[in-house]
Amino acid sequence: MKSNKIFTITALGLTTLAIYLFVAAPPPLEEDRGEMHTIPIETALKIMQQQNNVARALYTKEIVGQGKKRGIKFDEEWEDEEIHAGPLPAQFLRLTAESLERSPVQLGLFLGSDYAINKANAFEGQQLKMFQEVKQSRKANFFYVGDAQRYAYMAPDIASSKPCVTCHNEHDESPKDDWKLNDVMGAATWTYPQQEIGYREMLEMVAALREAFREAYNAFLEETSKIENAPPIGNRWPRNGFFLPDTETFMARLNWRSSESTLSTLVSTTHESPEILAQGETD
């Protein structure tokens, strides 16, 4: 009887999560749903990084990579009034981080490196020490930042495309010019002030991050619309020709690809941590 009740609660929780992860416009979350159990913040931040991996891969490969082949321009100085081009992948992530800063959700994102082109992105102190471990192991690191009173999840940013490597090697202000494919070029660090959160809070984090992706992509479309003979914006992608997907098309693909990994991580967490399922249980 006891194990059956645990399964029922878990199934309800995961069903709620599935609806909110895969449905484009879910109904408002009920007050008494989504907080039956808590999950470790390490798991939640890992999920944020998974979402980020999908968004960055989608933007890098399907928008920037394929877009350049079609003549769509991307430039580091894309915000300059005289330059009409899209942001590079690292700048897309920076736009995402800036959007998160404006969100009421206390989720932080910082993309740093020990060889940062922009000095503001250079790791220092404890984060630099942790990054050296990440760089050596090529695996994510979870730790507590005492000064900021935040838990942090640092994931390696690996050079997976030749254009990224070439750009960093040829940049005038780059402190390193011998990057190679598969090098750990930096790391994305996610932070949050609580050690455990409820499902509702986790969903709010996912929603805030996806809204940040949306705002970053909107900024890209707004800029490219200023280009002379700008590509048509609709439901087609650069690999199909001189086109760009609109925000809804981009986000639909992003949400679907990232939701599967998110749900899989949560299922594996509940299986590995049965004590999480016992919360709120009566004998």
Foldseek 3Di string as FASTA:
>chain_A
DQVVVLVVLVVQQLVVLLCLLQPPDDDDDDPPHQFQFKFFVLLLVVLLVLLVVLLLCCCQCFPVVLQVVQPAAEDCVCVPPVHQHFYHSVVLVVLLQVLLVVDPQQKHKAWAFCFDLPPVRHDDDPRVVLFVVCQVVQAWDWDADVVVQKTKIKHFDFQADPVVLCCLLPDPSTPDNDDDHGHRGTIMMMIDNDRMDTRVSSSVVVVSSLVSSLVSVVVRVVRQVPDDVRADEDQDTSVVHRYHYDSVNSSSVSSVVSSVVSSVSVVVSCVVCVVRSCRPRDD
